Amino acid sequence: MDKADKFTQKLEKHEALRLRDVIKHIRLNHQLSGIDVKKLKGGDEEYRVRMGRVRIRFLKTDKLNVIIDVGFRNDNTY
């Protein structure tokens, strides 16, 4: 079980289902339109997805994207 799976267990059911769907799209490098994606400064190919109070950081690659961190937004998020 990875960090993203552990984090989704802490959420309410509807938030967890939506987060799992977004993570699946990110990992499989699907079309990310309609999702709030932003490239982070200072990172080579590091991006973040904003989903309400949850933030997902990932590295963008040609085939599969790699999830770096999933957590609630706070002062130490990035």
PDB file of N, CA and C in Angstrom:
ATOM      1  N   MET A   1       0.849  -1.182   0.000  1.00  0.00           N
ATOM      2  CA  MET A   1       0.000   0.000   0.000  1.00  0.00           C
ATOM      3  C   MET A   1       0.894   1.243   0.000  1.00  0.00           C
ATOM      4  N   ASP A   2       0.671   2.146  -0.953  1.00  0.00           N
ATOM      5  CA  ASP A   2       1.490   3.347  -1.022  1.00  0.00           C
ATOM      6  C   ASP A   2       0.849   4.495  -0.246  1.00  0.00           C
ATOM      7  N   LYS A   3       1.543   5.619  -0.215  1.00  0.00           N
ATOM      8  CA  LYS A   3       1.102   6.763   0.574  1.00  0.00           C
ATOM      9  C   LYS A   3      -0.250   7.305   0.106  1.00  0.00           C
ATOM     10  N   ALA A   4      -0.477   7.291  -1.195  1.00  0.00           N
ATOM     11  CA  ALA A   4      -1.741   7.795  -1.736  1.00  0.00           C
ATOM     12  C   ALA A   4      -2.913   6.935  -1.266  1.00  0.00           C
ATOM     13  N   ASP A   5      -2.735   5.625  -1.244  1.00  0.00           N
ATOM     14  CA  ASP A   5      -3.799   4.733  -0.774  1.00  0.00           C
ATOM     15  C   ASP A   5      -4.082   4.939   0.710  1.00  0.00           C
ATOM     16  N   LYS A   6      -3.030   5.107   1.498  1.00  0.00           N
ATOM     17  CA  LYS A   6      -3.203   5.348   2.935  1.00  0.00           C
ATOM     18  C   LYS A   6      -3.935   6.659   3.179  1.00  0.00           C
ATOM     19  N   PHE A   7      -3.593   7.669   2.396  1.00  0.00           N
ATOM     20  CA  PHE A   7      -4.227   8.972   2.572  1.00  0.00           C
ATOM     21  C   PHE A   7      -5.717   8.913   2.241  1.00  0.00           C
ATOM     22  N   THR A   8      -6.085   8.193   1.192  1.00  0.00           N
ATOM     23  CA  THR A   8      -7.496   8.126   0.793  1.00  0.00           C
ATOM     24  C   THR A   8      -8.351   7.443   1.852  1.00  0.00           C
ATOM     25  N   GLN A   9      -7.753   6.591   2.670  1.00  0.00           N
ATOM     26  CA  GLN A   9      -8.512   5.935   3.735  1.00  0.00           C
ATOM     27  C   GLN A   9      -8.942   6.925   4.813  1.00  0.00           C
ATOM     28  N   LYS A  10      -8.264   8.053   4.926  1.00  0.00           N
ATOM     29  CA  LYS A  10      -8.586   9.064   5.931  1.00  0.00           C
ATOM     30  C   LYS A  10      -9.741   9.964   5.496  1.00  0.00           C
ATOM     31  N   LEU A  11     -10.064   9.951   4.213  1.00  0.00           N
ATOM     32  CA  LEU A  11     -11.075  10.852   3.663  1.00  0.00           C
ATOM     33  C   LEU A  11     -12.470  10.264   3.755  1.00  0.00           C
ATOM     34  N   GLU A  12     -13.455  11.150   3.585  1.00  0.00           N
ATOM     35  CA  GLU A  12     -14.832  10.688   3.483  1.00  0.00           C
ATOM     36  C   GLU A  12     -14.981   9.924   2.170  1.00  0.00           C
ATOM     37  N   LYS A  13     -16.011   9.105   2.088  1.00  0.00           N
ATOM     38  CA  LYS A  13     -16.161   8.191   0.954  1.00  0.00           C
ATOM     39  C   LYS A  13     -16.198   8.922  -0.387  1.00  0.00           C
ATOM     40  N   HIS A  14     -16.994   9.983  -0.489  1.00  0.00           N
ATOM     41  CA  HIS A  14     -17.110  10.678  -1.779  1.00  0.00           C
ATOM     42  C   HIS A  14     -15.802  11.362  -2.165  1.00  0.00           C
ATOM     43  N   GLU A  15     -15.060  11.899  -1.186  1.00  0.00           N
ATOM     44  CA  GLU A  15     -13.761  12.504  -1.477  1.00  0.00           C
ATOM     45  C   GLU A  15     -12.754  11.445  -1.905  1.00  0.00           C
ATOM     46  N   ALA A  16     -12.783  10.300  -1.237  1.00  0.00           N
ATOM     47  CA  ALA A  16     -11.839   9.216  -1.541  1.00  0.00           C
ATOM     48  C   ALA A  16     -12.060   8.683  -2.957  1.00  0.00           C
ATOM     49  N   LEU A  17     -13.306   8.504  -3.359  1.00  0.00           N
ATOM     50  CA  LEU A  17     -13.593   8.009  -4.707  1.00  0.00           C
ATOM     51  C   LEU A  17     -13.115   8.990  -5.769  1.00  0.00           C
ATOM     52  N   ARG A  18     -13.354  10.263  -5.539  1.00  0.00           N
ATOM     53  CA  ARG A  18     -12.922  11.281  -6.498  1.00  0.00           C
ATOM     54  C   ARG A  18     -11.397  11.345  -6.559  1.00  0.00           C
ATOM     55  N   LEU A  19     -10.740  11.264  -5.396  1.00  0.00           N
ATOM     56  CA  LEU A  19      -9.280  11.322  -5.355  1.00  0.00           C
ATOM     57  C   LEU A  19      -8.663  10.118  -6.063  1.00  0.00           C
ATOM     58  N   ARG A  20      -9.212   8.936  -5.849  1.00  0.00           N
ATOM     59  CA  ARG A  20      -8.694   7.742  -6.527  1.00  0.00           C
ATOM     60  C   ARG A  20      -8.815   7.860  -8.044  1.00  0.00           C
ATOM     61  N   ASP A  21      -9.920   8.444  -8.503  1.00  0.00           N
ATOM     62  CA  ASP A  21     -10.118   8.631  -9.937  1.00  0.00           C
ATOM     63  C   ASP A  21      -9.083   9.600 -10.509  1.00  0.00           C
ATOM     64  N   VAL A  22      -8.834  10.697  -9.808  1.00  0.00           N
ATOM     65  CA  VAL A  22      -7.846  11.677 -10.261  1.00  0.00           C
ATOM     66  C   VAL A  22      -6.448  11.062 -10.257  1.00  0.00           C
ATOM     67  N   ILE A  23      -6.105  10.318  -9.208  1.00  0.00           N
ATOM     68  CA  ILE A  23      -4.789   9.673  -9.119  1.00  0.00           C
ATOM     69  C   ILE A  23      -4.609   8.673 -10.257  1.00  0.00           C
ATOM     70  N   LYS A  24      -5.663   7.951 -10.576  1.00  0.00           N
ATOM     71  CA  LYS A  24      -5.584   6.989 -11.686  1.00  0.00           C
ATOM     72  C   LYS A  24      -5.312   7.701 -12.999  1.00  0.00           C
ATOM     73  N   HIS A  25      -5.977   8.823 -13.246  1.00  0.00           N
ATOM     74  CA  HIS A  25      -5.737   9.598 -14.463  1.00  0.00           C
ATOM     75  C   HIS A  25      -4.306  10.128 -14.504  1.00  0.00           C
ATOM     76  N   ILE A  26      -3.814  10.587 -13.365  1.00  0.00           N
ATOM     77  CA  ILE A  26      -2.440  11.113 -13.306  1.00  0.00           C
ATOM     78  C   ILE A  26      -1.437  10.002 -13.587  1.00  0.00           C
ATOM     79  N   ARG A  27      -1.575   8.877 -12.929  1.00  0.00           N
ATOM     80  CA  ARG A  27      -0.610   7.784 -13.070  1.00  0.00           C
ATOM     81  C   ARG A  27      -0.554   7.250 -14.500  1.00  0.00           C
ATOM     82  N   LEU A  28      -1.694   7.144 -15.141  1.00  0.00           N
ATOM     83  CA  LEU A  28      -1.753   6.584 -16.483  1.00  0.00           C
ATOM     84  C   LEU A  28      -1.501   7.621 -17.574  1.00  0.00           C
ATOM     85  N   ASN A  29      -1.210   8.856 -17.143  1.00  0.00           N
ATOM     86  CA  ASN A  29      -0.895   9.936 -18.075  1.00  0.00           C
ATOM     87  C   ASN A  29      -2.055  10.219 -19.027  1.00  0.00           C
ATOM     88  N   HIS A  30      -3.274  10.089 -18.511  1.00  0.00           N
ATOM     89  CA  HIS A  30      -4.463  10.395 -19.308  1.00  0.00           C
ATOM     90  C   HIS A  30      -4.576  11.901 -19.492  1.00  0.00           C
ATOM     91  N   GLN A  31      -5.509  12.303 -20.297  1.00  0.00           N
ATOM     92  CA  GLN A  31      -5.784  13.715 -20.512  1.00  0.00           C
ATOM     93  C   GLN A  31      -6.153  14.346 -19.175  1.00  0.00           C
ATOM     94  N   LEU A  32      -5.463  15.393 -18.773  1.00  0.00           N
ATOM     95  CA  LEU A  32      -5.692  16.025 -17.484  1.00  0.00           C
ATOM     96  C   LEU A  32      -6.522  17.300 -17.597  1.00  0.00           C
ATOM     97  N   SER A  33      -7.255  17.443 -18.695  1.00  0.00           N
ATOM     98  CA  SER A  33      -8.111  18.616 -18.831  1.00  0.00           C
ATOM     99  C   SER A  33      -9.272  18.494 -17.846  1.00  0.00           C
ATOM    100  N   GLY A  34      -9.704  19.615 -17.333  1.00  0.00           N
ATOM    101  CA  GLY A  34     -10.770  19.625 -16.351  1.00  0.00           C
ATOM    102  C   GLY A  34     -10.268  19.419 -14.935  1.00  0.00           C
ATOM    103  N   ILE A  35      -8.950  19.220 -14.789  1.00  0.00           N
ATOM    104  CA  ILE A  35      -8.340  19.059 -13.478  1.00  0.00           C
ATOM    105  C   ILE A  35      -7.397  20.245 -13.290  1.00  0.00           C
ATOM    106  N   ASP A  36      -7.363  20.815 -12.084  1.00  0.00           N
ATOM    107  CA  ASP A  36      -6.522  21.972 -11.802  1.00  0.00           C
ATOM    108  C   ASP A  36      -5.069  21.538 -11.646  1.00  0.00           C
ATOM    109  N   VAL A  37      -4.318  21.545 -12.760  1.00  0.00           N
ATOM    110  CA  VAL A  37      -2.911  21.120 -12.788  1.00  0.00           C
ATOM    111  C   VAL A  37      -2.048  22.352 -12.996  1.00  0.00           C
ATOM    112  N   LYS A  38      -0.953  22.425 -12.238  1.00  0.00           N
ATOM    113  CA  LYS A  38      -0.035  23.549 -12.379  1.00  0.00           C
ATOM    114  C   LYS A  38       1.397  23.060 -12.223  1.00  0.00           C
ATOM    115  N   LYS A  39       2.291  23.550 -13.094  1.00  0.00           N
ATOM    116  CA  LYS A  39       3.702  23.206 -13.008  1.00  0.00           C
ATOM    117  C   LYS A  39       4.308  23.975 -11.844  1.00  0.00           C
ATOM    118  N   LEU A  40       5.116  23.290 -11.020  1.00  0.00           N
ATOM    119  CA  LEU A  40       5.744  23.922  -9.868  1.00  0.00           C
ATOM    120  C   LEU A  40       7.082  24.529 -10.265  1.00  0.00           C
ATOM    121  N   LYS A  41       7.397  25.656  -9.672  1.00  0.00           N
ATOM    122  CA  LYS A  41       8.669  26.326  -9.937  1.00  0.00           C
ATOM    123  C   LYS A  41       9.796  25.534  -9.302  1.00  0.00           C
ATOM    124  N   GLY A  42      10.936  25.512  -9.952  1.00  0.00           N
ATOM    125  CA  GLY A  42      12.111  24.872  -9.390  1.00  0.00           C
ATOM    126  C   GLY A  42      12.210  23.386  -9.644  1.00  0.00           C
ATOM    127  N   GLY A  43      11.128  22.748 -10.044  1.00  0.00           N
ATOM    128  CA  GLY A  43      11.155  21.324 -10.341  1.00  0.00           C
ATOM    129  C   GLY A  43      11.278  21.096 -11.829  1.00  0.00           C
ATOM    130  N   ASP A  44      11.995  20.059 -12.213  1.00  0.00           N
ATOM    131  CA  ASP A  44      12.160  19.783 -13.637  1.00  0.00           C
ATOM    132  C   ASP A  44      10.817  19.547 -14.305  1.00  0.00           C
ATOM    133  N   GLU A  45      10.171  18.501 -13.917  1.00  0.00           N
ATOM    134  CA  GLU A  45       8.855  18.155 -14.468  1.00  0.00           C
ATOM    135  C   GLU A  45       7.878  17.887 -13.324  1.00  0.00           C
ATOM    136  N   GLU A  46       7.946  18.707 -12.287  1.00  0.00           N
ATOM    137  CA  GLU A  46       7.102  18.500 -11.115  1.00  0.00           C
ATOM    138  C   GLU A  46       5.839  19.357 -11.232  1.00  0.00           C
ATOM    139  N   TYR A  47       4.699  18.726 -11.003  1.00  0.00           N
ATOM    140  CA  TYR A  47       3.399  19.378 -11.107  1.00  0.00           C
ATOM    141  C   TYR A  47       2.604  19.129  -9.839  1.00  0.00           C
ATOM    142  N   ARG A  48       1.537  19.910  -9.684  1.00  0.00           N
ATOM    143  CA  ARG A  48       0.601  19.667  -8.595  1.00  0.00           C
ATOM    144  C   ARG A  48      -0.813  19.708  -9.134  1.00  0.00           C
ATOM    145  N   VAL A  49      -1.672  18.939  -8.488  1.00  0.00           N
ATOM    146  CA  VAL A  49      -3.097  18.950  -8.797  1.00  0.00           C
ATOM    147  C   VAL A  49      -3.804  19.438  -7.544  1.00  0.00           C
ATOM    148  N   ARG A  50      -4.655  20.410  -7.708  1.00  0.00           N
ATOM    149  CA  ARG A  50      -5.430  20.934  -6.591  1.00  0.00           C
ATOM    150  C   ARG A  50      -6.836  20.353  -6.681  1.00  0.00           C
ATOM    151  N   MET A  51      -7.256  19.720  -5.611  1.00  0.00           N
ATOM    152  CA  MET A  51      -8.581  19.113  -5.566  1.00  0.00           C
ATOM    153  C   MET A  51      -9.217  19.482  -4.224  1.00  0.00           C
ATOM    154  N   GLY A  52      -9.830  20.650  -4.174  1.00  0.00           N
ATOM    155  CA  GLY A  52     -10.402  21.123  -2.920  1.00  0.00           C
ATOM    156  C   GLY A  52      -9.297  21.392  -1.914  1.00  0.00           C
ATOM    157  N   ARG A  53      -9.343  20.734  -0.776  1.00  0.00           N
ATOM    158  CA  ARG A  53      -8.326  20.925   0.259  1.00  0.00           C
ATOM    159  C   ARG A  53      -7.157  19.946   0.126  1.00  0.00           C
ATOM    160  N   VAL A  54      -7.196  19.096  -0.887  1.00  0.00           N
ATOM    161  CA  VAL A  54      -6.163  18.083  -1.097  1.00  0.00           C
ATOM    162  C   VAL A  54      -5.242  18.512  -2.234  1.00  0.00           C
ATOM    163  N   ARG A  55      -3.934  18.254  -2.046  1.00  0.00           N
ATOM    164  CA  ARG A  55      -2.943  18.539  -3.071  1.00  0.00           C
ATOM    165  C   ARG A  55      -2.210  17.252  -3.434  1.00  0.00           C
ATOM    166  N   ILE A  56      -1.974  17.046  -4.725  1.00  0.00           N
ATOM    167  CA  ILE A  56      -1.249  15.877  -5.223  1.00  0.00           C
ATOM    168  C   ILE A  56      -0.054  16.398  -6.009  1.00  0.00           C
ATOM    169  N   ARG A  57       1.159  16.023  -5.597  1.00  0.00           N
ATOM    170  CA  ARG A  57       2.370  16.379  -6.339  1.00  0.00           C
ATOM    171  C   ARG A  57       2.813  15.168  -7.132  1.00  0.00           C
ATOM    172  N   PHE A  58       3.227  15.412  -8.388  1.00  0.00           N
ATOM    173  CA  PHE A  58       3.684  14.288  -9.209  1.00  0.00           C
ATOM    174  C   PHE A  58       4.741  14.732 -10.197  1.00  0.00           C
ATOM    175  N   LEU A  59       5.531  13.771 -10.657  1.00  0.00           N
ATOM    176  CA  LEU A  59       6.527  13.995 -11.700  1.00  0.00           C
ATOM    177  C   LEU A  59       5.941  13.521 -13.016  1.00  0.00           C
ATOM    178  N   LYS A  60       6.027  14.343 -14.022  1.00  0.00           N
ATOM    179  CA  LYS A  60       5.470  14.009 -15.326  1.00  0.00           C
ATOM    180  C   LYS A  60       6.544  13.324 -16.172  1.00  0.00           C
ATOM    181  N   THR A  61       6.217  12.164 -16.719  1.00  0.00           N
ATOM    182  CA  THR A  61       7.117  11.432 -17.595  1.00  0.00           C
ATOM    183  C   THR A  61       6.374  11.088 -18.880  1.00  0.00           C
ATOM    184  N   ASP A  62       7.068  10.460 -19.810  1.00  0.00           N
ATOM    185  CA  ASP A  62       6.442  10.114 -21.090  1.00  0.00           C
ATOM    186  C   ASP A  62       5.389   9.030 -20.946  1.00  0.00           C
ATOM    187  N   LYS A  63       5.668   8.015 -20.123  1.00  0.00           N
ATOM    188  CA  LYS A  63       4.760   6.872 -20.023  1.00  0.00           C
ATOM    189  C   LYS A  63       3.863   6.951 -18.796  1.00  0.00           C
ATOM    190  N   LEU A  64       4.428   6.752 -17.615  1.00  0.00           N
ATOM    191  CA  LEU A  64       3.657   6.783 -16.380  1.00  0.00           C
ATOM    192  C   LEU A  64       4.150   7.914 -15.498  1.00  0.00           C
ATOM    193  N   ASN A  65       3.219   8.683 -14.938  1.00  0.00           N
ATOM    194  CA  ASN A  65       3.583   9.738 -14.001  1.00  0.00           C
ATOM    195  C   ASN A  65       3.777   9.122 -12.622  1.00  0.00           C
ATOM    196  N   VAL A  66       4.640   9.727 -11.837  1.00  0.00           N
ATOM    197  CA  VAL A  66       4.974   9.217 -10.508  1.00  0.00           C
ATOM    198  C   VAL A  66       4.413  10.156  -9.452  1.00  0.00           C
ATOM    199  N   ILE A  67       3.563   9.638  -8.572  1.00  0.00           N
ATOM    200  CA  ILE A  67       3.005  10.421  -7.477  1.00  0.00           C
ATOM    201  C   ILE A  67       4.089  10.600  -6.422  1.00  0.00           C
ATOM    202  N   ILE A  68       4.371  11.842  -6.056  1.00  0.00           N
ATOM    203  CA  ILE A  68       5.374  12.137  -5.037  1.00  0.00           C
ATOM    204  C   ILE A  68       4.730  12.257  -3.667  1.00  0.00           C
ATOM    205  N   ASP A  69       3.636  13.019  -3.594  1.00  0.00           N
ATOM    206  CA  ASP A  69       3.036  13.303  -2.299  1.00  0.00           C
ATOM    207  C   ASP A  69       1.555  13.581  -2.469  1.00  0.00           C
ATOM    208  N   VAL A  70       0.789  13.177  -1.476  1.00  0.00           N
ATOM    209  CA  VAL A  70      -0.638  13.468  -1.413  1.00  0.00           C
ATOM    210  C   VAL A  70      -0.913  13.938   0.005  1.00  0.00           C
ATOM    211  N   GLY A  71      -1.573  15.088   0.145  1.00  0.00           N
ATOM    212  CA  GLY A  71      -1.853  15.572   1.485  1.00  0.00           C
ATOM    213  C   GLY A  71      -2.788  16.766   1.468  1.00  0.00           C
ATOM    214  N   PHE A  72      -3.194  17.168   2.670  1.00  0.00           N
ATOM    215  CA  PHE A  72      -4.036  18.348   2.804  1.00  0.00           C
ATOM    216  C   PHE A  72      -3.188  19.594   2.621  1.00  0.00           C
ATOM    217  N   ARG A  73      -3.784  20.636   2.119  1.00  0.00           N
ATOM    218  CA  ARG A  73      -3.071  21.889   1.939  1.00  0.00           C
ATOM    219  C   ARG A  73      -2.811  22.502   3.312  1.00  0.00           C
ATOM    220  N   ASN A  74      -1.568  22.964   3.502  1.00  0.00           N
ATOM    221  CA  ASN A  74      -1.202  23.695   4.708  1.00  0.00           C
ATOM    222  C   ASN A  74      -0.020  24.591   4.382  1.00  0.00           C
ATOM    223  N   ASP A  75       0.600  25.206   5.372  1.00  0.00           N
ATOM    224  CA  ASP A  75       1.721  26.111   5.134  1.00  0.00           C
ATOM    225  C   ASP A  75       2.946  25.401   4.594  1.00  0.00           C
ATOM    226  N   ASN A  76       3.058  24.085   4.794  1.00  0.00           N
ATOM    227  CA  ASN A  76       4.221  23.324   4.363  1.00  0.00           C
ATOM    228  C   ASN A  76       3.941  22.414   3.183  1.00  0.00           C
ATOM    229  N   THR A  77       2.899  22.690   2.413  1.00  0.00           N
ATOM    230  CA  THR A  77       2.494  21.803   1.335  1.00  0.00           C
ATOM    231  C   THR A  77       3.549  21.672   0.274  1.00  0.00           C
ATOM    232  N   TYR A  78       4.133  22.752  -0.193  1.00  0.00           N
ATOM    233  CA  TYR A  78       5.147  22.686  -1.234  1.00  0.00           C
ATOM    234  C   TYR A  78       6.447  23.032  -0.615  1.00  0.00           C
TER     235      TYR A  78
END
